[in-house]
């Protein structure tokens, strides 16, 4: 019931502000296991008020694959973690880039990625579209053995194919983009340092449980798992997602701050078989 201009402006908030109040944190990890399985894990960090107030949405479309996505009330799905029924997986980390220029709002771009059928199509979209704001995208696919880290900002789109293991927080770290002007918070700096240290210990025998352990790590004053009501960035972990990506299948496990899966979904099954609910 809101005016279209207001809805559009709300979904452009991250292109206009360095801190927008939802999805401003986040940590992502990726792993290629020895058996060929690709794993992508993600902590969704946002306004502590929204803990328990977000959902998983299951969207069926006539002209696109349709998708599952973590959903903030009032925001377009896609700028968190999600996967579509073509097997494309995407997780998003905020980038606090200082550069602003006319372009497609970053939340519209993340939503558009969920309409892509292939990794190449998603990477081309992020690389070629004019970008108004900055996000980091971790991309995988059930139809492709590759996994990508994409730092898409107004200044450039840096595309990095992930080797065996990878971790990313909330600032640009690629060689091609780290020189751009950006805000690096103490939390992002510490989480990047910690997650890099953890993934460096992983071997090809590492499995999904190790990703969950990493994302629920509480070491240090500014840990990866964020539960402090006095967090200096004003953010807490709202949910943790673990994607298990095989050939022709994607399984999503969504966790609360407890060592059990709240929801397990076979993303590529028929939408009628899924059972989304509160995250």
C-alpha atoms as a PDB file:
ATOM      1  CA  UNK A   1       0.000   0.000   0.000  1.00  0.00           C
ATOM      2  CA  UNK A   2       3.018   2.342  -0.083  1.00  0.00           C
ATOM      3  CA  UNK A   3       3.778   4.686  -2.989  1.00  0.00           C
ATOM      4  CA  UNK A   4       6.098   3.080  -5.548  1.00  0.00           C
ATOM      5  CA  UNK A   5       8.633   5.912  -5.196  1.00  0.00           C
ATOM      6  CA  UNK A   6       8.929   5.266  -1.451  1.00  0.00           C
ATOM      7  CA  UNK A   7       9.374   1.523  -1.968  1.00  0.00           C
ATOM      8  CA  UNK A   8      12.052   2.151  -4.591  1.00  0.00           C
ATOM      9  CA  UNK A   9      13.860   4.640  -2.343  1.00  0.00           C
ATOM     10  CA  UNK A  10      13.811   2.167   0.570  1.00  0.00           C
ATOM     11  CA  UNK A  11      15.422  -0.452  -1.641  1.00  0.00           C
ATOM     12  CA  UNK A  12      18.065   2.076  -2.715  1.00  0.00           C
ATOM     13  CA  UNK A  13      19.075   2.939   0.856  1.00  0.00           C
ATOM     14  CA  UNK A  14      22.371   1.042   0.662  1.00  0.00           C
ATOM     15  CA  UNK A  15      23.373   2.985  -2.448  1.00  0.00           C
ATOM     16  CA  UNK A  16      22.779   6.277  -0.631  1.00  0.00           C
ATOM     17  CA  UNK A  17      24.014   5.519   2.906  1.00  0.00           C
ATOM     18  CA  UNK A  18      27.153   3.863   4.259  1.00  0.00           C
ATOM     19  CA  UNK A  19      25.027   2.135   6.924  1.00  0.00           C
ATOM     20  CA  UNK A  20      21.454   1.185   6.068  1.00  0.00           C
ATOM     21  CA  UNK A  21      20.267  -0.809   9.086  1.00  0.00           C
ATOM     22  CA  UNK A  22      19.721  -4.262   7.579  1.00  0.00           C
ATOM     23  CA  UNK A  23      22.147  -6.720   6.034  1.00  0.00           C
ATOM     24  CA  UNK A  24      25.064  -4.368   6.703  1.00  0.00           C
ATOM     25  CA  UNK A  25      27.332  -7.017   8.189  1.00  0.00           C
ATOM     26  CA  UNK A  26      27.687 -10.662   7.154  1.00  0.00           C
ATOM     27  CA  UNK A  27      30.510 -13.167   6.716  1.00  0.00           C
ATOM     28  CA  UNK A  28      30.721 -15.737   3.920  1.00  0.00           C
ATOM     29  CA  UNK A  29      32.893 -18.821   3.428  1.00  0.00           C
ATOM     30  CA  UNK A  30      33.319 -21.240   0.529  1.00  0.00           C
ATOM     31  CA  UNK A  31      34.939 -24.632   0.132  1.00  0.00           C
ATOM     32  CA  UNK A  32      35.497 -27.154  -2.638  1.00  0.00           C
ATOM     33  CA  UNK A  33      35.610 -30.611  -1.043  1.00  0.00           C
ATOM     34  CA  UNK A  34      37.665 -33.536  -2.256  1.00  0.00           C
ATOM     35  CA  UNK A  35      34.556 -35.342  -3.522  1.00  0.00           C
ATOM     36  CA  UNK A  36      33.623 -32.420  -5.768  1.00  0.00           C
ATOM     37  CA  UNK A  37      30.910 -31.003  -3.500  1.00  0.00           C
ATOM     38  CA  UNK A  38      30.892 -27.234  -3.249  1.00  0.00           C
ATOM     39  CA  UNK A  39      30.002 -25.674   0.103  1.00  0.00           C
ATOM     40  CA  UNK A  40      28.992 -22.055   0.673  1.00  0.00           C
ATOM     41  CA  UNK A  41      28.275 -20.776   4.182  1.00  0.00           C
ATOM     42  CA  UNK A  42      26.997 -17.395   5.306  1.00  0.00           C
ATOM     43  CA  UNK A  43      26.162 -15.449   8.468  1.00  0.00           C
ATOM     44  CA  UNK A  44      23.366 -12.972   7.836  1.00  0.00           C
ATOM     45  CA  UNK A  45      24.059  -9.989  10.106  1.00  0.00           C
ATOM     46  CA  UNK A  46      21.641  -7.118  10.536  1.00  0.00           C
ATOM     47  CA  UNK A  47      19.641  -4.991  12.953  1.00  0.00           C
ATOM     48  CA  UNK A  48      19.249  -6.949  16.239  1.00  0.00           C
ATOM     49  CA  UNK A  49      15.602  -5.837  16.355  1.00  0.00           C
ATOM     50  CA  UNK A  50      14.955  -8.052  13.318  1.00  0.00           C
ATOM     51  CA  UNK A  51      16.159 -11.240  15.037  1.00  0.00           C
ATOM     52  CA  UNK A  52      13.246 -13.666  14.775  1.00  0.00           C
ATOM     53  CA  UNK A  53      11.297 -11.268  12.566  1.00  0.00           C
ATOM     54  CA  UNK A  54      12.699 -12.379   9.201  1.00  0.00           C
ATOM     55  CA  UNK A  55      11.538 -15.261   7.018  1.00  0.00           C
ATOM     56  CA  UNK A  56      12.485 -17.559   4.189  1.00  0.00           C
ATOM     57  CA  UNK A  57      10.395 -16.836   1.130  1.00  0.00           C
ATOM     58  CA  UNK A  58       9.668 -19.311  -1.653  1.00  0.00           C
ATOM     59  CA  UNK A  59       8.915 -17.399  -4.849  1.00  0.00           C
ATOM     60  CA  UNK A  60       7.531 -19.141  -7.938  1.00  0.00           C
ATOM     61  CA  UNK A  61       7.697 -17.203 -11.207  1.00  0.00           C
ATOM     62  CA  UNK A  62       6.304 -17.761 -14.690  1.00  0.00           C
ATOM     63  CA  UNK A  63       9.288 -16.324 -16.580  1.00  0.00           C
ATOM     64  CA  UNK A  64      12.265 -17.286 -14.372  1.00  0.00           C
ATOM     65  CA  UNK A  65      13.429 -20.260 -12.288  1.00  0.00           C
ATOM     66  CA  UNK A  66      11.958 -19.007  -8.988  1.00  0.00           C
ATOM     67  CA  UNK A  67      13.968 -18.984  -5.803  1.00  0.00           C
ATOM     68  CA  UNK A  68      14.275 -19.336  -2.032  1.00  0.00           C
ATOM     69  CA  UNK A  69      15.696 -16.365  -0.128  1.00  0.00           C
ATOM     70  CA  UNK A  70      16.125 -15.004   3.382  1.00  0.00           C
ATOM     71  CA  UNK A  71      13.810 -12.028   3.590  1.00  0.00           C
ATOM     72  CA  UNK A  72      13.900  -8.752   5.523  1.00  0.00           C
ATOM     73  CA  UNK A  73      10.446  -7.184   5.982  1.00  0.00           C
ATOM     74  CA  UNK A  74       9.879  -4.557   3.324  1.00  0.00           C
ATOM     75  CA  UNK A  75      12.987  -5.336   1.250  1.00  0.00           C
ATOM     76  CA  UNK A  76      13.415  -7.086  -2.072  1.00  0.00           C
ATOM     77  CA  UNK A  77      14.585 -10.678  -1.560  1.00  0.00           C
ATOM     78  CA  UNK A  78      18.058 -11.474  -2.839  1.00  0.00           C
ATOM     79  CA  UNK A  79      20.440  -9.219  -0.919  1.00  0.00           C
ATOM     80  CA  UNK A  80      20.977 -11.823   1.832  1.00  0.00           C
ATOM     81  CA  UNK A  81      21.357 -15.527   0.978  1.00  0.00           C
ATOM     82  CA  UNK A  82      19.343 -17.534  -1.505  1.00  0.00           C
ATOM     83  CA  UNK A  83      19.267 -20.027  -4.347  1.00  0.00           C
ATOM     84  CA  UNK A  84      17.096 -20.472  -7.387  1.00  0.00           C
ATOM     85  CA  UNK A  85      15.596 -23.614  -8.870  1.00  0.00           C
ATOM     86  CA  UNK A  86      18.154 -23.631 -11.670  1.00  0.00           C
ATOM     87  CA  UNK A  87      20.664 -24.431  -8.927  1.00  0.00           C
ATOM     88  CA  UNK A  88      22.328 -21.004  -8.684  1.00  0.00           C
ATOM     89  CA  UNK A  89      23.441 -20.057  -5.149  1.00  0.00           C
ATOM     90  CA  UNK A  90      24.182 -16.507  -3.975  1.00  0.00           C
ATOM     91  CA  UNK A  91      25.269 -15.009  -0.644  1.00  0.00           C
ATOM     92  CA  UNK A  92      25.805 -11.284  -0.109  1.00  0.00           C
ATOM     93  CA  UNK A  93      28.152  -9.233   2.085  1.00  0.00           C
ATOM     94  CA  UNK A  94      27.820  -5.490   2.443  1.00  0.00           C
ATOM     95  CA  UNK A  95      30.626  -3.272   1.110  1.00  0.00           C
ATOM     96  CA  UNK A  96      30.868   0.249   2.490  1.00  0.00           C
ATOM     97  CA  UNK A  97      32.249   1.883  -0.625  1.00  0.00           C
ATOM     98  CA  UNK A  98      32.572   5.667  -0.573  1.00  0.00           C
ATOM     99  CA  UNK A  99      32.175   5.992  -4.326  1.00  0.00           C
ATOM    100  CA  UNK A 100      28.686   6.801  -5.588  1.00  0.00           C
ATOM    101  CA  UNK A 101      27.560   7.050  -9.192  1.00  0.00           C
ATOM    102  CA  UNK A 102      24.382   6.595 -11.247  1.00  0.00           C
ATOM    103  CA  UNK A 103      23.559   2.959 -11.888  1.00  0.00           C
ATOM    104  CA  UNK A 104      21.352   0.025 -11.002  1.00  0.00           C
ATOM    105  CA  UNK A 105      20.659  -0.128  -7.236  1.00  0.00           C
ATOM    106  CA  UNK A 106      22.614  -2.958  -5.674  1.00  0.00           C
ATOM    107  CA  UNK A 107      19.528  -4.639  -4.173  1.00  0.00           C
ATOM    108  CA  UNK A 108      17.914  -4.774  -7.606  1.00  0.00           C
ATOM    109  CA  UNK A 109      21.062  -6.393  -9.002  1.00  0.00           C
ATOM    110  CA  UNK A 110      21.099  -9.096  -6.320  1.00  0.00           C
ATOM    111  CA  UNK A 111      17.456  -9.828  -7.004  1.00  0.00           C
ATOM    112  CA  UNK A 112      18.195 -10.003 -10.743  1.00  0.00           C
ATOM    113  CA  UNK A 113      20.950 -12.563 -10.123  1.00  0.00           C
ATOM    114  CA  UNK A 114      18.294 -14.953  -8.807  1.00  0.00           C
ATOM    115  CA  UNK A 115      16.704 -14.930 -12.268  1.00  0.00           C
ATOM    116  CA  UNK A 116      19.943 -16.122 -13.895  1.00  0.00           C
ATOM    117  CA  UNK A 117      20.193 -19.732 -15.040  1.00  0.00           C
ATOM    118  CA  UNK A 118      24.000 -20.060 -15.056  1.00  0.00           C
ATOM    119  CA  UNK A 119      27.088 -18.790 -13.270  1.00  0.00           C
ATOM    120  CA  UNK A 120      28.363 -17.132 -16.425  1.00  0.00           C
ATOM    121  CA  UNK A 121      25.087 -15.262 -16.819  1.00  0.00           C
ATOM    122  CA  UNK A 122      25.210 -14.049 -13.199  1.00  0.00           C
ATOM    123  CA  UNK A 123      28.855 -12.943 -13.430  1.00  0.00           C
ATOM    124  CA  UNK A 124      28.204 -11.114 -16.704  1.00  0.00           C
ATOM    125  CA  UNK A 125      25.236  -9.297 -15.160  1.00  0.00           C
ATOM    126  CA  UNK A 126      27.302  -8.073 -12.205  1.00  0.00           C
ATOM    127  CA  UNK A 127      30.280  -7.176 -14.389  1.00  0.00           C
ATOM    128  CA  UNK A 128      28.448  -5.369 -17.176  1.00  0.00           C
ATOM    129  CA  UNK A 129      25.599  -3.537 -15.429  1.00  0.00           C
ATOM    130  CA  UNK A 130      26.233   0.020 -14.211  1.00  0.00           C
ATOM    131  CA  UNK A 131      26.396  -0.262 -10.401  1.00  0.00           C
ATOM    132  CA  UNK A 132      25.177   2.403  -7.980  1.00  0.00           C
ATOM    133  CA  UNK A 133      26.427   0.692  -4.794  1.00  0.00           C
ATOM    134  CA  UNK A 134      28.677  -2.085  -3.574  1.00  0.00           C
ATOM    135  CA  UNK A 135      28.128  -5.712  -2.568  1.00  0.00           C
ATOM    136  CA  UNK A 136      30.268  -8.829  -2.381  1.00  0.00           C
ATOM    137  CA  UNK A 137      28.656 -11.871  -4.023  1.00  0.00           C
ATOM    138  CA  UNK A 138      29.650 -15.496  -3.433  1.00  0.00           C
ATOM    139  CA  UNK A 139      28.250 -17.520  -6.334  1.00  0.00           C
ATOM    140  CA  UNK A 140      27.977 -21.257  -6.934  1.00  0.00           C
ATOM    141  CA  UNK A 141      25.898 -23.587  -9.075  1.00  0.00           C
ATOM    142  CA  UNK A 142      24.676 -27.168  -9.172  1.00  0.00           C
ATOM    143  CA  UNK A 143      25.514 -27.194 -12.879  1.00  0.00           C
ATOM    144  CA  UNK A 144      29.076 -25.852 -12.600  1.00  0.00           C
ATOM    145  CA  UNK A 145      32.137 -26.899 -10.586  1.00  0.00           C
ATOM    146  CA  UNK A 146      33.335 -23.318 -10.221  1.00  0.00           C
ATOM    147  CA  UNK A 147      32.690 -20.951  -7.295  1.00  0.00           C
ATOM    148  CA  UNK A 148      33.142 -17.190  -7.627  1.00  0.00           C
ATOM    149  CA  UNK A 149      33.831 -14.261  -5.339  1.00  0.00           C
ATOM    150  CA  UNK A 150      32.653 -11.011  -6.943  1.00  0.00           C
ATOM    151  CA  UNK A 151      33.302  -7.581  -5.438  1.00  0.00           C
ATOM    152  CA  UNK A 152      30.821  -5.458  -7.411  1.00  0.00           C
ATOM    153  CA  UNK A 153      31.140  -1.744  -6.704  1.00  0.00           C
ATOM    154  CA  UNK A 154      30.564   1.505  -8.606  1.00  0.00           C
ATOM    155  CA  UNK A 155      34.297   1.639  -9.350  1.00  0.00           C
ATOM    156  CA  UNK A 156      34.752  -1.843 -10.777  1.00  0.00           C
ATOM    157  CA  UNK A 157      33.612  -5.446 -10.650  1.00  0.00           C
ATOM    158  CA  UNK A 158      36.408  -7.766  -9.559  1.00  0.00           C
ATOM    159  CA  UNK A 159      35.708 -11.435 -10.342  1.00  0.00           C
ATOM    160  CA  UNK A 160      37.788 -14.084  -8.586  1.00  0.00           C
ATOM    161  CA  UNK A 161      37.368 -17.813  -9.114  1.00  0.00           C
ATOM    162  CA  UNK A 162      37.764 -19.482  -5.732  1.00  0.00           C
ATOM    163  CA  UNK A 163      40.311 -22.260  -5.510  1.00  0.00           C
ATOM    164  CA  UNK A 164      39.780 -24.644  -2.605  1.00  0.00           C
ATOM    165  CA  UNK A 165      38.691 -22.362   0.258  1.00  0.00           C
ATOM    166  CA  UNK A 166      37.765 -18.751   0.857  1.00  0.00           C
ATOM    167  CA  UNK A 167      36.415 -16.303   3.444  1.00  0.00           C
ATOM    168  CA  UNK A 168      35.051 -12.771   3.093  1.00  0.00           C
ATOM    169  CA  UNK A 169      33.661 -10.141   5.491  1.00  0.00           C
ATOM    170  CA  UNK A 170      32.558  -6.562   4.713  1.00  0.00           C
ATOM    171  CA  UNK A 171      35.284  -4.772   2.821  1.00  0.00           C
ATOM    172  CA  UNK A 172      36.995  -5.166  -0.520  1.00  0.00           C
ATOM    173  CA  UNK A 173      40.020  -7.462  -0.341  1.00  0.00           C
ATOM    174  CA  UNK A 174      40.625  -8.436  -3.984  1.00  0.00           C
ATOM    175  CA  UNK A 175      43.892  -7.125  -5.387  1.00  0.00           C
ATOM    176  CA  UNK A 176      41.957  -5.405  -8.169  1.00  0.00           C
ATOM    177  CA  UNK A 177      39.590  -3.488  -5.879  1.00  0.00           C
ATOM    178  CA  UNK A 178      41.146  -3.065  -2.429  1.00  0.00           C
ATOM    179  CA  UNK A 179      42.561   0.325  -3.433  1.00  0.00           C
ATOM    180  CA  UNK A 180      39.099   1.835  -3.812  1.00  0.00           C
ATOM    181  CA  UNK A 181      37.944   4.244  -1.127  1.00  0.00           C
ATOM    182  CA  UNK A 182      35.863   2.399   1.450  1.00  0.00           C
ATOM    183  CA  UNK A 183      34.939   2.258   5.122  1.00  0.00           C
ATOM    184  CA  UNK A 184      36.443  -0.703   6.991  1.00  0.00           C
ATOM    185  CA  UNK A 185      34.929  -1.135  10.436  1.00  0.00           C
ATOM    186  CA  UNK A 186      36.828  -2.759  13.283  1.00  0.00           C
ATOM    187  CA  UNK A 187      34.368  -5.669  13.191  1.00  0.00           C
ATOM    188  CA  UNK A 188      34.878  -6.290   9.478  1.00  0.00           C
ATOM    189  CA  UNK A 189      38.650  -6.097   9.824  1.00  0.00           C
ATOM    190  CA  UNK A 190      38.680  -8.580  12.726  1.00  0.00           C
ATOM    191  CA  UNK A 191      36.210 -10.983  11.113  1.00  0.00           C
ATOM    192  CA  UNK A 192      38.220 -10.976   7.880  1.00  0.00           C
ATOM    193  CA  UNK A 193      41.410 -11.720   9.783  1.00  0.00           C
ATOM    194  CA  UNK A 194      39.755 -14.489  11.805  1.00  0.00           C
ATOM    195  CA  UNK A 195      37.924 -16.176   8.911  1.00  0.00           C
ATOM    196  CA  UNK A 196      41.087 -16.180   6.776  1.00  0.00           C
ATOM    197  CA  UNK A 197      42.940 -17.824   9.648  1.00  0.00           C
ATOM    198  CA  UNK A 198      40.274 -20.491   9.997  1.00  0.00           C
ATOM    199  CA  UNK A 199      39.953 -21.368   6.305  1.00  0.00           C
ATOM    200  CA  UNK A 200      43.734 -21.586   5.979  1.00  0.00           C
ATOM    201  CA  UNK A 201      43.583 -24.639   8.256  1.00  0.00           C
ATOM    202  CA  UNK A 202      41.021 -26.451   6.091  1.00  0.00           C
ATOM    203  CA  UNK A 203      41.930 -29.406   3.907  1.00  0.00           C
ATOM    204  CA  UNK A 204      39.985 -30.941   0.993  1.00  0.00           C
ATOM    205  CA  UNK A 205      38.535 -33.362   3.560  1.00  0.00           C
ATOM    206  CA  UNK A 206      36.767 -30.486   5.309  1.00  0.00           C
ATOM    207  CA  UNK A 207      32.966 -30.768   5.249  1.00  0.00           C
ATOM    208  CA  UNK A 208      29.949 -28.600   5.899  1.00  0.00           C
ATOM    209  CA  UNK A 209      30.134 -28.997   9.671  1.00  0.00           C
ATOM    210  CA  UNK A 210      33.438 -27.130   9.621  1.00  0.00           C
ATOM    211  CA  UNK A 211      31.803 -24.194   7.828  1.00  0.00           C
ATOM    212  CA  UNK A 212      29.156 -24.003  10.540  1.00  0.00           C
ATOM    213  CA  UNK A 213      31.827 -24.134  13.249  1.00  0.00           C
ATOM    214  CA  UNK A 214      33.683 -21.288  11.534  1.00  0.00           C
ATOM    215  CA  UNK A 215      30.580 -19.132  11.197  1.00  0.00           C
ATOM    216  CA  UNK A 216      29.622 -19.759  14.835  1.00  0.00           C
ATOM    217  CA  UNK A 217      33.135 -18.878  16.043  1.00  0.00           C
ATOM    218  CA  UNK A 218      33.116 -16.571  19.079  1.00  0.00           C
ATOM    219  CA  UNK A 219      36.832 -15.855  19.521  1.00  0.00           C
ATOM    220  CA  UNK A 220      37.861 -12.275  20.233  1.00  0.00           C
ATOM    221  CA  UNK A 221      36.060  -9.089  21.198  1.00  0.00           C
ATOM    222  CA  UNK A 222      34.577  -8.709  17.685  1.00  0.00           C
ATOM    223  CA  UNK A 223      33.770 -12.314  16.735  1.00  0.00           C
ATOM    224  CA  UNK A 224      32.366 -13.847  13.569  1.00  0.00           C
ATOM    225  CA  UNK A 225      29.157 -14.901  15.363  1.00  0.00           C
ATOM    226  CA  UNK A 226      27.689 -11.600  16.480  1.00  0.00           C
ATOM    227  CA  UNK A 227      25.352 -11.691  19.481  1.00  0.00           C
ATOM    228  CA  UNK A 228      26.503  -8.679  21.513  1.00  0.00           C
ATOM    229  CA  UNK A 229      23.680  -6.131  21.936  1.00  0.00           C
ATOM    230  CA  UNK A 230      26.432  -3.478  22.102  1.00  0.00           C
ATOM    231  CA  UNK A 231      28.034  -4.506  18.797  1.00  0.00           C
ATOM    232  CA  UNK A 232      29.888  -1.398  17.548  1.00  0.00           C
ATOM    233  CA  UNK A 233      28.253  -1.657  14.108  1.00  0.00           C
ATOM    234  CA  UNK A 234      24.801  -2.185  15.633  1.00  0.00           C
ATOM    235  CA  UNK A 235      24.473  -5.640  14.028  1.00  0.00           C
ATOM    236  CA  UNK A 236      23.834  -9.200  15.217  1.00  0.00           C
ATOM    237  CA  UNK A 237      23.787 -12.523  13.397  1.00  0.00           C
ATOM    238  CA  UNK A 238      20.159 -13.228  12.458  1.00  0.00           C
ATOM    239  CA  UNK A 239      20.674 -16.623  10.770  1.00  0.00           C
ATOM    240  CA  UNK A 240      23.388 -18.877   9.384  1.00  0.00           C
ATOM    241  CA  UNK A 241      23.045 -20.637   6.015  1.00  0.00           C
ATOM    242  CA  UNK A 242      24.989 -23.653   4.771  1.00  0.00           C
ATOM    243  CA  UNK A 243      24.574 -24.560   1.086  1.00  0.00           C
ATOM    244  CA  UNK A 244      25.662 -28.027  -0.021  1.00  0.00           C
ATOM    245  CA  UNK A 245      26.018 -27.957  -3.794  1.00  0.00           C
ATOM    246  CA  UNK A 246      26.354 -31.183  -5.747  1.00  0.00           C
ATOM    247  CA  UNK A 247      25.914 -32.025  -9.405  1.00  0.00           C
ATOM    248  CA  UNK A 248      22.280 -31.271 -10.084  1.00  0.00           C
ATOM    249  CA  UNK A 249      21.253 -30.594  -6.480  1.00  0.00           C
ATOM    250  CA  UNK A 250      21.393 -27.902  -3.805  1.00  0.00           C
ATOM    251  CA  UNK A 251      20.573 -28.439  -0.148  1.00  0.00           C
ATOM    252  CA  UNK A 252      20.126 -25.420   2.123  1.00  0.00           C
ATOM    253  CA  UNK A 253      20.366 -25.697   5.903  1.00  0.00           C
ATOM    254  CA  UNK A 254      19.379 -22.649   7.919  1.00  0.00           C
ATOM    255  CA  UNK A 255      20.563 -22.362  11.507  1.00  0.00           C
ATOM    256  CA  UNK A 256      19.761 -20.183  14.452  1.00  0.00           C
ATOM    257  CA  UNK A 257      22.446 -19.551  17.107  1.00  0.00           C
ATOM    258  CA  UNK A 258      22.177 -23.172  18.192  1.00  0.00           C
ATOM    259  CA  UNK A 259      24.023 -26.299  16.937  1.00  0.00           C
ATOM    260  CA  UNK A 260      21.075 -27.683  14.982  1.00  0.00           C
ATOM    261  CA  UNK A 261      19.412 -26.987  11.663  1.00  0.00           C
ATOM    262  CA  UNK A 262      16.091 -25.221  11.987  1.00  0.00           C
ATOM    263  CA  UNK A 263      15.172 -25.747   8.340  1.00  0.00           C
ATOM    264  CA  UNK A 264      16.552 -28.121   5.694  1.00  0.00           C
ATOM    265  CA  UNK A 265      15.412 -27.644   2.097  1.00  0.00           C
ATOM    266  CA  UNK A 266      16.215 -29.357  -1.176  1.00  0.00           C
ATOM    267  CA  UNK A 267      16.209 -26.160  -3.199  1.00  0.00           C
ATOM    268  CA  UNK A 268      15.782 -27.786  -6.607  1.00  0.00           C
ATOM    269  CA  UNK A 269      12.721 -29.816  -5.671  1.00  0.00           C
ATOM    270  CA  UNK A 270       9.265 -28.749  -6.766  1.00  0.00           C
ATOM    271  CA  UNK A 271       8.228 -25.565  -4.907  1.00  0.00           C
ATOM    272  CA  UNK A 272       5.205 -27.395  -3.471  1.00  0.00           C
ATOM    273  CA  UNK A 273       7.594 -29.722  -1.604  1.00  0.00           C
ATOM    274  CA  UNK A 274       9.371 -26.932   0.252  1.00  0.00           C
ATOM    275  CA  UNK A 275       8.403 -25.842   3.735  1.00  0.00           C
ATOM    276  CA  UNK A 276       9.636 -22.293   4.348  1.00  0.00           C
ATOM    277  CA  UNK A 277       8.967 -20.664   7.689  1.00  0.00           C
ATOM    278  CA  UNK A 278      10.417 -18.291  10.244  1.00  0.00           C
ATOM    279  CA  UNK A 279      14.207 -18.283  10.216  1.00  0.00           C
END
